[in-house]
Amino acid sequence: MQNAARKPGLSSTKTIAKVGILSAIAYVLMFISVPLPIFPSFLKIDVSDIPAIFGGMSLGPMAGLVIVVVKNFLQGITASTTGGVGEFANVVIGGSYVLMICLFYRKFKSTKGVLFGGLIGIIAMTIVGCIVNYYIMMPLYATVYGMPLEQIVQMGTVINPRVTDLFTFVIWMIAPFNIVKAGLMTIVTLLLFKKMEKLLSK
C-alpha cells in the first residue's frame, strides 16, 4: 500500500496563498449578516466561518483557525463597530467550532465525520460562548459602549422576560444564539460537503 502524499505544511507558500484567499472570502462574508428578532440587535447571524471550515478540512485544523483569526483581524482594523470586542469574541467562540469540526473531519473523512464534528462543535461553541461572554465579553461591551451591564441585560429582558441578570442573559440569549449560528453552519457545511469532497481529498 502506498503512503498518502503528505500535505504541505502551514508555512508553505501554496498553503499561505490558499489561507489568504479563504481569509479574504471569509472577510467579505462577514459583511453579510442578519439580525434575528429573537435576539438583541448586536447578535447577528453570518456564515463567514464556512471558508475557515473547508480550509481547515483541506489544509488542517490550524489553518482553519488561522483563517478565523485573519478575517477577524481584517474586520477589526477596517470596519469594526464594537471596538474589536466582537471580533475577539468571534475568534474565540467561532474558532472553537471550526477546530472541533475540522478535528473530527481529520479523523473521520466522511459525511458522518462532518455531522458528528458539527454536533460537537455546536456544543463547544455554546459552552465557550457562555463562559467567554459571562466573564469577558459582556463586561467589555459595557466598557466599550460606556453603558452599565444592566442596560445590556434589559435588551434581553425586552425580548424574553426570563432575562433578569447577566447569568440569565447568557442562558436565554447567548446560548440559543450560538446554537442557532453553529447549527446553521453545520447545515451549510453538510450541504456543500458533497460538492467539495473531491477537492478536499486532493
C-alpha atoms as a PDB file:
ATOM      1  CA  MET A   1       0.000   0.000   0.000  1.00  0.00           C
ATOM      2  CA  GLN A   2       1.389   3.368  -0.969  1.00  0.00           C
ATOM      3  CA  ASN A   3       1.616   6.076   1.653  1.00  0.00           C
ATOM      4  CA  ALA A   4      -0.667   9.041   1.113  1.00  0.00           C
ATOM      5  CA  ALA A   5       1.065  12.147  -0.120  1.00  0.00           C
ATOM      6  CA  ARG A   6       1.933  14.438   2.717  1.00  0.00           C
ATOM      7  CA  LYS A   7       0.105  17.730   2.598  1.00  0.00           C
ATOM      8  CA  PRO A   8       2.219  20.887   2.549  1.00  0.00           C
ATOM      9  CA  GLY A   9       2.873  22.473   5.930  1.00  0.00           C
ATOM     10  CA  LEU A  10       1.118  25.576   7.151  1.00  0.00           C
ATOM     11  CA  SER A  11       4.202  27.664   6.328  1.00  0.00           C
ATOM     12  CA  SER A  12       4.437  26.551   2.676  1.00  0.00           C
ATOM     13  CA  THR A  13       3.881  29.221   0.030  1.00  0.00           C
ATOM     14  CA  LYS A  14       0.988  27.301  -1.525  1.00  0.00           C
ATOM     15  CA  THR A  15      -0.789  26.901   1.807  1.00  0.00           C
ATOM     16  CA  ILE A  16      -0.246  30.546   2.764  1.00  0.00           C
ATOM     17  CA  ALA A  17      -1.767  31.600  -0.559  1.00  0.00           C
ATOM     18  CA  LYS A  18      -4.823  29.377   0.000  1.00  0.00           C
ATOM     19  CA  VAL A  19      -5.243  30.646   3.556  1.00  0.00           C
ATOM     20  CA  GLY A  20      -5.031  34.217   2.267  1.00  0.00           C
ATOM     21  CA  ILE A  21      -7.703  33.653  -0.390  1.00  0.00           C
ATOM     22  CA  LEU A  22     -10.053  31.900   2.035  1.00  0.00           C
ATOM     23  CA  SER A  23      -9.491  34.608   4.650  1.00  0.00           C
ATOM     24  CA  ALA A  24     -10.439  37.266   2.088  1.00  0.00           C
ATOM     25  CA  ILE A  25     -13.639  35.374   1.193  1.00  0.00           C
ATOM     26  CA  ALA A  26     -14.478  34.972   4.891  1.00  0.00           C
ATOM     27  CA  TYR A  27     -13.851  38.691   5.455  1.00  0.00           C
ATOM     28  CA  VAL A  28     -16.312  39.615   2.696  1.00  0.00           C
ATOM     29  CA  LEU A  29     -18.911  37.203   4.099  1.00  0.00           C
ATOM     30  CA  MET A  30     -18.698  38.958   7.481  1.00  0.00           C
ATOM     31  CA  PHE A  31     -20.483  41.923   5.903  1.00  0.00           C
ATOM     32  CA  ILE A  32     -23.449  39.684   5.062  1.00  0.00           C
ATOM     33  CA  SER A  33     -25.023  39.322   8.487  1.00  0.00           C
ATOM     34  CA  VAL A  34     -28.652  39.128   9.565  1.00  0.00           C
ATOM     35  CA  PRO A  35     -30.109  40.135  12.952  1.00  0.00           C
ATOM     36  CA  LEU A  36     -32.896  37.932  14.271  1.00  0.00           C
ATOM     37  CA  PRO A  37     -35.826  39.440  16.224  1.00  0.00           C
ATOM     38  CA  ILE A  38     -35.472  36.778  18.945  1.00  0.00           C
ATOM     39  CA  PHE A  39     -32.025  38.152  19.895  1.00  0.00           C
ATOM     40  CA  PRO A  40     -30.640  41.625  20.748  1.00  0.00           C
ATOM     41  CA  SER A  41     -29.631  43.595  17.654  1.00  0.00           C
ATOM     42  CA  PHE A  42     -25.880  43.280  18.271  1.00  0.00           C
ATOM     43  CA  LEU A  43     -26.125  39.493  17.858  1.00  0.00           C
ATOM     44  CA  LYS A  44     -26.160  38.800  14.119  1.00  0.00           C
ATOM     45  CA  ILE A  45     -26.070  35.560  12.167  1.00  0.00           C
ATOM     46  CA  ASP A  46     -23.490  35.092   9.411  1.00  0.00           C
ATOM     47  CA  VAL A  47     -21.713  32.176   7.716  1.00  0.00           C
ATOM     48  CA  SER A  48     -18.266  33.754   7.424  1.00  0.00           C
ATOM     49  CA  ASP A  49     -16.669  30.757   9.169  1.00  0.00           C
ATOM     50  CA  ILE A  50     -17.580  28.427   6.285  1.00  0.00           C
ATOM     51  CA  PRO A  51     -14.363  29.215   4.328  1.00  0.00           C
ATOM     52  CA  ALA A  52     -12.408  28.539   7.532  1.00  0.00           C
ATOM     53  CA  ILE A  53     -14.159  25.183   7.951  1.00  0.00           C
ATOM     54  CA  PHE A  54     -13.335  23.982   4.452  1.00  0.00           C
ATOM     55  CA  GLY A  55      -9.857  25.470   4.712  1.00  0.00           C
ATOM     56  CA  GLY A  56      -9.350  23.531   7.940  1.00  0.00           C
ATOM     57  CA  MET A  57     -10.664  20.340   6.368  1.00  0.00           C
ATOM     58  CA  SER A  58      -8.327  20.689   3.405  1.00  0.00           C
ATOM     59  CA  LEU A  59      -5.202  22.190   4.997  1.00  0.00           C
ATOM     60  CA  GLY A  60      -5.538  21.110   8.624  1.00  0.00           C
ATOM     61  CA  PRO A  61      -7.364  22.431  11.707  1.00  0.00           C
ATOM     62  CA  MET A  62      -4.714  25.051  12.481  1.00  0.00           C
ATOM     63  CA  ALA A  63      -5.147  26.534   9.004  1.00  0.00           C
ATOM     64  CA  GLY A  64      -8.866  26.842   9.709  1.00  0.00           C
ATOM     65  CA  LEU A  65      -8.138  28.659  12.954  1.00  0.00           C
ATOM     66  CA  VAL A  66      -5.683  30.998  11.201  1.00  0.00           C
ATOM     67  CA  ILE A  67      -8.397  31.901   8.676  1.00  0.00           C
ATOM     68  CA  VAL A  68     -10.744  32.759  11.550  1.00  0.00           C
ATOM     69  CA  VAL A  69      -8.073  34.968  13.127  1.00  0.00           C
ATOM     70  CA  VAL A  70      -7.134  36.731   9.876  1.00  0.00           C
ATOM     71  CA  LYS A  71     -10.690  37.529   8.778  1.00  0.00           C
ATOM     72  CA  ASN A  72     -11.487  38.967  12.201  1.00  0.00           C
ATOM     73  CA  PHE A  73      -8.258  40.950  12.253  1.00  0.00           C
ATOM     74  CA  LEU A  74      -9.182  42.469   8.877  1.00  0.00           C
ATOM     75  CA  GLN A  75     -12.669  43.244  10.142  1.00  0.00           C
ATOM     76  CA  GLY A  76     -11.255  44.730  13.323  1.00  0.00           C
ATOM     77  CA  ILE A  77      -8.941  47.188  11.550  1.00  0.00           C
ATOM     78  CA  THR A  78     -11.306  48.166   8.741  1.00  0.00           C
ATOM     79  CA  ALA A  79     -14.938  48.007   9.802  1.00  0.00           C
ATOM     80  CA  SER A  80     -15.348  47.116  13.455  1.00  0.00           C
ATOM     81  CA  THR A  81     -18.427  48.541  15.143  1.00  0.00           C
ATOM     82  CA  THR A  82     -17.585  47.043  18.521  1.00  0.00           C
ATOM     83  CA  GLY A  83     -14.110  48.379  19.174  1.00  0.00           C
ATOM     84  CA  GLY A  84     -12.672  44.945  18.434  1.00  0.00           C
ATOM     85  CA  VAL A  85     -14.756  43.241  21.120  1.00  0.00           C
ATOM     86  CA  GLY A  86     -16.999  41.420  18.652  1.00  0.00           C
ATOM     87  CA  GLU A  87     -14.031  40.332  16.548  1.00  0.00           C
ATOM     88  CA  PHE A  88     -12.217  38.952  19.600  1.00  0.00           C
ATOM     89  CA  ALA A  89     -15.361  37.054  20.575  1.00  0.00           C
ATOM     90  CA  ASN A  90     -15.674  35.654  17.062  1.00  0.00           C
ATOM     91  CA  VAL A  91     -12.092  34.348  17.166  1.00  0.00           C
ATOM     92  CA  VAL A  92     -12.538  32.572  20.494  1.00  0.00           C
ATOM     93  CA  ILE A  93     -16.112  31.344  20.092  1.00  0.00           C
ATOM     94  CA  GLY A  94     -16.207  30.749  16.330  1.00  0.00           C
ATOM     95  CA  GLY A  95     -12.699  29.312  16.475  1.00  0.00           C
ATOM     96  CA  SER A  96     -13.839  26.638  18.934  1.00  0.00           C
ATOM     97  CA  TYR A  97     -16.465  25.458  16.429  1.00  0.00           C
ATOM     98  CA  VAL A  98     -14.062  25.466  13.481  1.00  0.00           C
ATOM     99  CA  LEU A  99     -11.462  23.479  15.422  1.00  0.00           C
ATOM    100  CA  MET A 100     -13.964  20.831  16.534  1.00  0.00           C
ATOM    101  CA  ILE A 101     -15.497  20.158  13.127  1.00  0.00           C
ATOM    102  CA  CYS A 102     -12.084  20.143  11.415  1.00  0.00           C
ATOM    103  CA  LEU A 103     -10.545  17.826  14.020  1.00  0.00           C
ATOM    104  CA  PHE A 104     -13.409  15.347  13.596  1.00  0.00           C
ATOM    105  CA  TYR A 105     -13.149  15.543   9.826  1.00  0.00           C
ATOM    106  CA  ARG A 106      -9.414  14.896  10.040  1.00  0.00           C
ATOM    107  CA  LYS A 107     -10.131  11.634  11.894  1.00  0.00           C
ATOM    108  CA  PHE A 108     -13.296  10.597  10.024  1.00  0.00           C
ATOM    109  CA  LYS A 109     -13.169  11.929   6.466  1.00  0.00           C
ATOM    110  CA  SER A 110     -16.822  11.365   5.629  1.00  0.00           C
ATOM    111  CA  THR A 111     -20.252  12.928   5.898  1.00  0.00           C
ATOM    112  CA  LYS A 112     -20.626  11.279   9.308  1.00  0.00           C
ATOM    113  CA  GLY A 113     -17.380  12.894  10.405  1.00  0.00           C
ATOM    114  CA  VAL A 114     -18.692  16.301   9.341  1.00  0.00           C
ATOM    115  CA  LEU A 115     -22.030  15.668  11.072  1.00  0.00           C
ATOM    116  CA  PHE A 116     -20.550  14.499  14.378  1.00  0.00           C
ATOM    117  CA  GLY A 117     -17.891  17.207  14.236  1.00  0.00           C
ATOM    118  CA  GLY A 118     -20.621  19.764  13.671  1.00  0.00           C
ATOM    119  CA  LEU A 119     -22.653  18.476  16.624  1.00  0.00           C
ATOM    120  CA  ILE A 120     -19.620  18.543  18.928  1.00  0.00           C
ATOM    121  CA  GLY A 121     -18.805  21.975  17.504  1.00  0.00           C
ATOM    122  CA  ILE A 122     -22.294  23.222  18.414  1.00  0.00           C
ATOM    123  CA  ILE A 123     -21.789  22.040  21.992  1.00  0.00           C
ATOM    124  CA  ALA A 124     -18.284  23.516  22.194  1.00  0.00           C
ATOM    125  CA  MET A 125     -19.351  26.848  20.702  1.00  0.00           C
ATOM    126  CA  THR A 126     -22.303  27.089  23.084  1.00  0.00           C
ATOM    127  CA  ILE A 127     -20.254  26.313  26.209  1.00  0.00           C
ATOM    128  CA  VAL A 128     -17.323  28.527  25.213  1.00  0.00           C
ATOM    129  CA  GLY A 129     -19.726  31.287  24.189  1.00  0.00           C
ATOM    130  CA  CYS A 130     -21.480  31.247  27.563  1.00  0.00           C
ATOM    131  CA  ILE A 131     -18.256  31.263  29.589  1.00  0.00           C
ATOM    132  CA  VAL A 132     -16.491  33.901  27.486  1.00  0.00           C
ATOM    133  CA  ASN A 133     -19.499  36.204  27.338  1.00  0.00           C
ATOM    134  CA  TYR A 134     -20.242  35.984  31.043  1.00  0.00           C
ATOM    135  CA  TYR A 135     -16.714  36.611  32.253  1.00  0.00           C
ATOM    136  CA  ILE A 136     -15.149  38.676  29.438  1.00  0.00           C
ATOM    137  CA  MET A 137     -17.281  39.849  26.527  1.00  0.00           C
ATOM    138  CA  MET A 138     -20.309  41.389  28.249  1.00  0.00           C
ATOM    139  CA  PRO A 139     -18.176  43.379  30.717  1.00  0.00           C
ATOM    140  CA  LEU A 140     -16.023  44.520  27.762  1.00  0.00           C
ATOM    141  CA  TYR A 141     -19.099  45.552  25.767  1.00  0.00           C
ATOM    142  CA  ALA A 142     -20.276  47.584  28.747  1.00  0.00           C
ATOM    143  CA  THR A 143     -16.877  49.293  28.984  1.00  0.00           C
ATOM    144  CA  VAL A 144     -16.504  49.987  25.239  1.00  0.00           C
ATOM    145  CA  TYR A 145     -20.035  51.363  24.860  1.00  0.00           C
ATOM    146  CA  GLY A 146     -19.955  53.149  28.219  1.00  0.00           C
ATOM    147  CA  MET A 147     -23.207  51.598  29.407  1.00  0.00           C
ATOM    148  CA  PRO A 148     -23.966  49.631  32.575  1.00  0.00           C
ATOM    149  CA  LEU A 149     -24.415  45.882  32.257  1.00  0.00           C
ATOM    150  CA  GLU A 150     -27.996  46.342  33.446  1.00  0.00           C
ATOM    151  CA  GLN A 151     -28.768  48.230  30.236  1.00  0.00           C
ATOM    152  CA  ILE A 152     -27.415  45.385  28.107  1.00  0.00           C
ATOM    153  CA  VAL A 153     -29.397  42.889  30.179  1.00  0.00           C
ATOM    154  CA  GLN A 154     -32.519  44.993  29.594  1.00  0.00           C
ATOM    155  CA  MET A 155     -32.102  44.466  25.842  1.00  0.00           C
ATOM    156  CA  GLY A 156     -32.641  40.786  26.515  1.00  0.00           C
ATOM    157  CA  THR A 157     -35.457  41.320  29.004  1.00  0.00           C
ATOM    158  CA  VAL A 158     -37.488  43.161  26.349  1.00  0.00           C
ATOM    159  CA  ILE A 159     -37.321  40.010  24.204  1.00  0.00           C
ATOM    160  CA  ASN A 160     -37.571  37.388  26.945  1.00  0.00           C
ATOM    161  CA  PRO A 161     -38.855  38.253  30.434  1.00  0.00           C
ATOM    162  CA  ARG A 162     -36.839  35.327  31.835  1.00  0.00           C
ATOM    163  CA  VAL A 163     -33.745  37.511  31.387  1.00  0.00           C
ATOM    164  CA  THR A 164     -33.258  39.278  34.721  1.00  0.00           C
ATOM    165  CA  ASP A 165     -29.465  39.470  35.128  1.00  0.00           C
ATOM    166  CA  LEU A 166     -26.228  38.719  33.295  1.00  0.00           C
ATOM    167  CA  PHE A 167     -26.410  34.996  34.016  1.00  0.00           C
ATOM    168  CA  THR A 168     -29.919  34.613  32.618  1.00  0.00           C
ATOM    169  CA  PHE A 169     -28.947  36.853  29.666  1.00  0.00           C
ATOM    170  CA  VAL A 170     -26.194  34.387  28.812  1.00  0.00           C
ATOM    171  CA  ILE A 171     -28.506  31.386  29.283  1.00  0.00           C
ATOM    172  CA  TRP A 172     -31.500  32.725  27.324  1.00  0.00           C
ATOM    173  CA  MET A 173     -29.773  34.918  24.731  1.00  0.00           C
ATOM    174  CA  ILE A 174     -26.135  33.912  24.176  1.00  0.00           C
ATOM    175  CA  ALA A 175     -26.566  30.137  24.401  1.00  0.00           C
ATOM    176  CA  PRO A 176     -29.535  29.925  21.969  1.00  0.00           C
ATOM    177  CA  PHE A 177     -27.809  32.347  19.591  1.00  0.00           C
ATOM    178  CA  ASN A 178     -24.680  30.193  19.405  1.00  0.00           C
ATOM    179  CA  ILE A 179     -26.777  27.050  18.959  1.00  0.00           C
ATOM    180  CA  VAL A 180     -28.651  28.653  16.048  1.00  0.00           C
ATOM    181  CA  LYS A 181     -25.481  30.025  14.435  1.00  0.00           C
ATOM    182  CA  ALA A 182     -23.450  26.830  14.818  1.00  0.00           C
ATOM    183  CA  GLY A 183     -26.434  24.749  13.696  1.00  0.00           C
ATOM    184  CA  LEU A 184     -26.759  26.867  10.546  1.00  0.00           C
ATOM    185  CA  MET A 185     -23.035  26.482   9.788  1.00  0.00           C
ATOM    186  CA  THR A 186     -23.322  22.722  10.250  1.00  0.00           C
ATOM    187  CA  ILE A 187     -26.244  22.527   7.826  1.00  0.00           C
ATOM    188  CA  VAL A 188     -24.483  24.689   5.220  1.00  0.00           C
ATOM    189  CA  THR A 189     -21.277  22.662   5.577  1.00  0.00           C
ATOM    190  CA  LEU A 190     -23.171  19.387   5.103  1.00  0.00           C
ATOM    191  CA  LEU A 191     -24.986  20.755   2.044  1.00  0.00           C
ATOM    192  CA  LEU A 192     -21.714  21.877   0.449  1.00  0.00           C
ATOM    193  CA  PHE A 193     -19.633  18.899   1.576  1.00  0.00           C
ATOM    194  CA  LYS A 194     -20.527  16.519  -1.271  1.00  0.00           C
ATOM    195  CA  LYS A 195     -19.615  19.148  -3.854  1.00  0.00           C
ATOM    196  CA  MET A 196     -16.341  19.868  -2.040  1.00  0.00           C
ATOM    197  CA  GLU A 197     -15.431  16.260  -1.131  1.00  0.00           C
ATOM    198  CA  LYS A 198     -13.300  15.533  -4.202  1.00  0.00           C
ATOM    199  CA  LEU A 199     -11.470  18.827  -3.848  1.00  0.00           C
ATOM    200  CA  LEU A 200     -10.843  18.169  -0.132  1.00  0.00           C
ATOM    201  CA  SER A 201      -9.374  14.747  -0.863  1.00  0.00           C
ATOM    202  CA  LYS A 202      -6.657  16.167  -3.145  1.00  0.00           C
END
